[in-house]
Amino acid sequence: LTVNYQSLVNFKKSTDLLRCSPSFYNHPRYDGVIINTNKGAYIGQLVQLFECEYLEQRYPLALVHPFDITVTDGRQRWKHQCDRDLGFYRVHARPRVYSQFVSIYAIIRGVLLVEDNSSDLSNGHDYFVVDTVDSDIFFRMKKIKSLLKYRKVDALKKD
């Protein structure tokens, strides 16, 4: 999947080549993505790409595994969303049954996800978003972090 986006750094067109394959050079590869919704952006992982046809119109879709669960420490308290040592943003995967169909046009750009094996509580579901790949992803993650910071405060106020 080729995704074109406008860089937040120099406002020029940039391109990401995203892949989702069970055998990409004999290894599975499912790239991370940032999805735009009317409620804000979230991080996910591509599972499958396909097209649906309805009334002679083709709609390109992606099945995305969302990584948007609140990260907790097992006692329902907020765990640090940012890694203390590296400063990477931590995301937690929903169960696979909550995968969603989205239009490929909602994909903003790709994102590098690295599994966090250090946490005893993650069970392989915590990932770090590497925001040092380029300056555009660095600024996008700063924007997403600030939005989630306000959501977190609002969620705590409701309790």
Protein backbone atom coordinates (compact mmCIF):
# COMPACT_ATOMS: atom_id res chain seq x y z
CA LEU A 1 0.00 0.00 0.00
CA THR A 2 1.39 3.39 -0.99
CA VAL A 3 0.34 6.24 1.31
CA ASN A 4 1.04 9.85 0.38
CA TYR A 5 0.97 12.46 3.12
CA GLN A 6 2.06 16.03 3.68
CA SER A 7 5.07 16.32 5.98
CA LEU A 8 4.57 18.43 9.10
CA VAL A 9 8.21 19.54 8.84
CA ASN A 10 8.51 21.05 5.35
CA PHE A 11 4.93 20.62 4.05
CA LYS A 12 6.18 18.62 1.07
CA LYS A 13 4.56 15.43 -0.19
CA SER A 14 6.08 12.29 1.33
CA THR A 15 5.34 8.64 0.65
CA ASP A 16 5.23 5.52 2.82
CA LEU A 17 5.20 2.00 1.39
CA LEU A 18 3.21 -0.11 3.84
CA ARG A 19 3.10 -3.87 3.85
CA CYS A 20 1.02 -6.61 5.40
CA SER A 21 2.06 -10.11 4.45
CA PRO A 22 2.28 -13.47 6.25
CA SER A 23 5.44 -14.20 4.24
CA PHE A 24 7.52 -11.14 3.38
CA TYR A 25 10.94 -12.62 2.57
CA ASN A 26 9.89 -15.72 4.57
CA HIS A 27 8.90 -13.68 7.65
CA PRO A 28 5.56 -12.14 8.62
CA ARG A 29 5.35 -8.37 8.22
CA TYR A 30 2.43 -6.27 9.38
CA ASP A 31 3.28 -2.56 9.39
CA GLY A 32 2.02 -0.08 11.95
CA VAL A 33 -0.15 2.85 10.85
CA ILE A 34 -1.70 6.04 12.16
CA ILE A 35 -5.43 6.13 11.41
CA ASN A 36 -7.42 9.37 11.23
CA THR A 37 -10.97 9.31 12.62
CA ASN A 38 -13.50 11.96 13.55
CA LYS A 39 -12.57 11.32 17.23
CA GLY A 40 -8.85 11.82 16.57
CA ALA A 41 -5.94 9.69 15.43
CA TYR A 42 -5.01 6.27 16.78
CA ILE A 43 -2.24 3.74 16.20
CA GLY A 44 -2.95 0.35 14.65
CA GLN A 45 -1.39 -2.52 12.74
CA LEU A 46 -2.34 -3.57 9.21
CA VAL A 47 -3.81 -7.07 9.06
CA GLN A 48 -5.20 -7.28 5.51
CA LEU A 49 -5.80 -5.08 2.47
CA PHE A 50 -8.63 -5.68 0.01
CA GLU A 51 -11.29 -4.06 -2.16
CA CYS A 52 -15.06 -4.33 -1.93
CA GLU A 53 -17.37 -3.63 -4.82
CA TYR A 54 -20.80 -2.15 -4.22
CA LEU A 55 -23.09 -0.81 -6.95
CA GLU A 56 -20.24 -0.96 -9.46
CA GLN A 57 -18.08 1.23 -7.20
CA ARG A 58 -14.83 -0.13 -5.72
CA TYR A 59 -13.86 0.69 -2.13
CA PRO A 60 -10.29 -0.04 -0.97
CA LEU A 61 -10.32 -1.16 2.67
CA ALA A 62 -7.87 -2.22 5.33
CA LEU A 63 -8.45 -4.51 8.29
CA VAL A 64 -6.60 -2.83 11.18
CA HIS A 65 -5.74 -4.20 14.62
CA PRO A 66 -6.17 -1.16 16.95
CA PHE A 67 -3.54 -0.36 19.58
CA ASP A 68 -5.62 2.11 21.55
CA ILE A 69 -6.29 0.53 24.94
CA THR A 70 -5.26 2.52 28.00
CA VAL A 71 -1.97 1.19 29.33
CA THR A 72 -2.32 0.13 32.99
CA ASP A 73 -0.13 -1.56 35.55
CA GLY A 74 -2.59 -4.39 36.27
CA ARG A 75 -4.31 -2.55 39.13
CA GLN A 76 -6.15 -0.19 36.79
CA ARG A 77 -3.81 2.70 37.52
CA TRP A 78 -2.20 4.67 34.73
CA LYS A 79 1.10 3.20 33.68
CA HIS A 80 3.62 5.54 32.12
CA GLN A 81 2.60 6.04 28.50
CA CYS A 82 6.17 7.15 27.74
CA ASP A 83 9.16 4.94 28.41
CA ARG A 84 11.32 6.55 31.09
CA ASP A 85 14.63 5.57 29.49
CA LEU A 86 13.96 6.09 25.78
CA GLY A 87 10.99 8.45 25.79
CA PHE A 88 9.07 6.31 23.27
CA TYR A 89 5.28 6.33 23.42
CA ARG A 90 3.76 3.03 24.64
CA VAL A 91 0.60 1.56 23.08
CA HIS A 92 -1.39 -1.53 24.03
CA ALA A 93 -3.12 -3.81 21.54
CA ARG A 94 -6.80 -4.64 21.80
CA PRO A 95 -7.76 -8.30 21.44
CA ARG A 96 -7.71 -9.34 17.75
CA VAL A 97 -11.51 -9.72 17.65
CA TYR A 98 -11.75 -5.91 17.88
CA SER A 99 -9.96 -5.41 14.55
CA GLN A 100 -11.72 -2.81 12.42
CA PHE A 101 -12.36 -2.16 8.75
CA VAL A 102 -11.22 1.30 7.68
CA SER A 103 -10.91 3.06 4.37
CA ILE A 104 -7.31 3.15 3.20
CA TYR A 105 -7.82 6.90 2.78
CA ALA A 106 -8.04 7.19 6.59
CA ILE A 107 -4.43 5.99 6.92
CA ILE A 108 -2.27 9.03 7.61
CA ARG A 109 1.13 7.33 7.42
CA GLY A 110 3.12 4.33 8.60
CA VAL A 111 4.70 4.03 12.04
CA LEU A 112 7.41 1.75 13.42
CA LEU A 113 6.13 -0.43 16.28
CA VAL A 114 8.54 -2.39 18.49
CA GLU A 115 7.24 -4.97 20.96
CA ASP A 116 7.96 -4.23 24.64
CA ASN A 117 9.22 -7.49 26.11
CA SER A 118 10.41 -5.91 29.36
CA SER A 119 7.01 -5.66 31.02
CA ASP A 120 5.72 -8.67 32.95
CA LEU A 121 2.17 -7.44 32.48
CA SER A 122 2.21 -6.82 28.74
CA ASN A 123 1.75 -10.46 27.62
CA GLY A 124 3.12 -9.41 24.25
CA HIS A 125 0.53 -6.68 23.80
CA ASP A 126 2.58 -3.57 24.66
CA TYR A 127 4.49 -1.83 21.89
CA PHE A 128 6.66 1.25 21.60
CA VAL A 129 6.12 3.77 18.81
CA VAL A 130 9.58 4.71 17.54
CA ASP A 131 9.32 8.42 16.82
CA THR A 132 12.98 8.92 15.90
CA VAL A 133 12.64 7.45 12.39
CA ASP A 134 12.15 10.89 10.86
CA SER A 135 11.19 14.39 11.99
CA ASP A 136 7.62 14.12 10.66
CA ILE A 137 6.73 11.16 12.89
CA PHE A 138 8.44 12.92 15.81
CA PHE A 139 6.10 15.92 15.46
CA ARG A 140 3.03 13.76 14.79
CA MET A 141 3.65 11.75 17.95
CA LYS A 142 4.10 14.95 19.97
CA LYS A 143 0.67 16.03 18.68
CA ILE A 144 -0.93 12.66 19.50
CA LYS A 145 0.68 12.56 22.96
CA SER A 146 -0.70 15.99 23.83
CA LEU A 147 -4.21 14.98 22.70
CA LEU A 148 -4.09 11.79 24.76
CA LYS A 149 -2.81 13.69 27.77
CA TYR A 150 -6.00 15.76 27.73
CA ARG A 151 -8.18 12.66 27.19
CA LYS A 152 -6.50 11.04 30.21
CA VAL A 153 -7.23 14.07 32.40
CA ASP A 154 -10.86 14.13 31.20
CA ALA A 155 -11.23 10.39 31.92
CA LEU A 156 -9.89 10.85 35.45
CA LYS A 157 -12.31 13.73 36.08
CA LYS A 158 -15.28 11.48 35.22
CA ASP A 159 -14.33 8.92 37.90
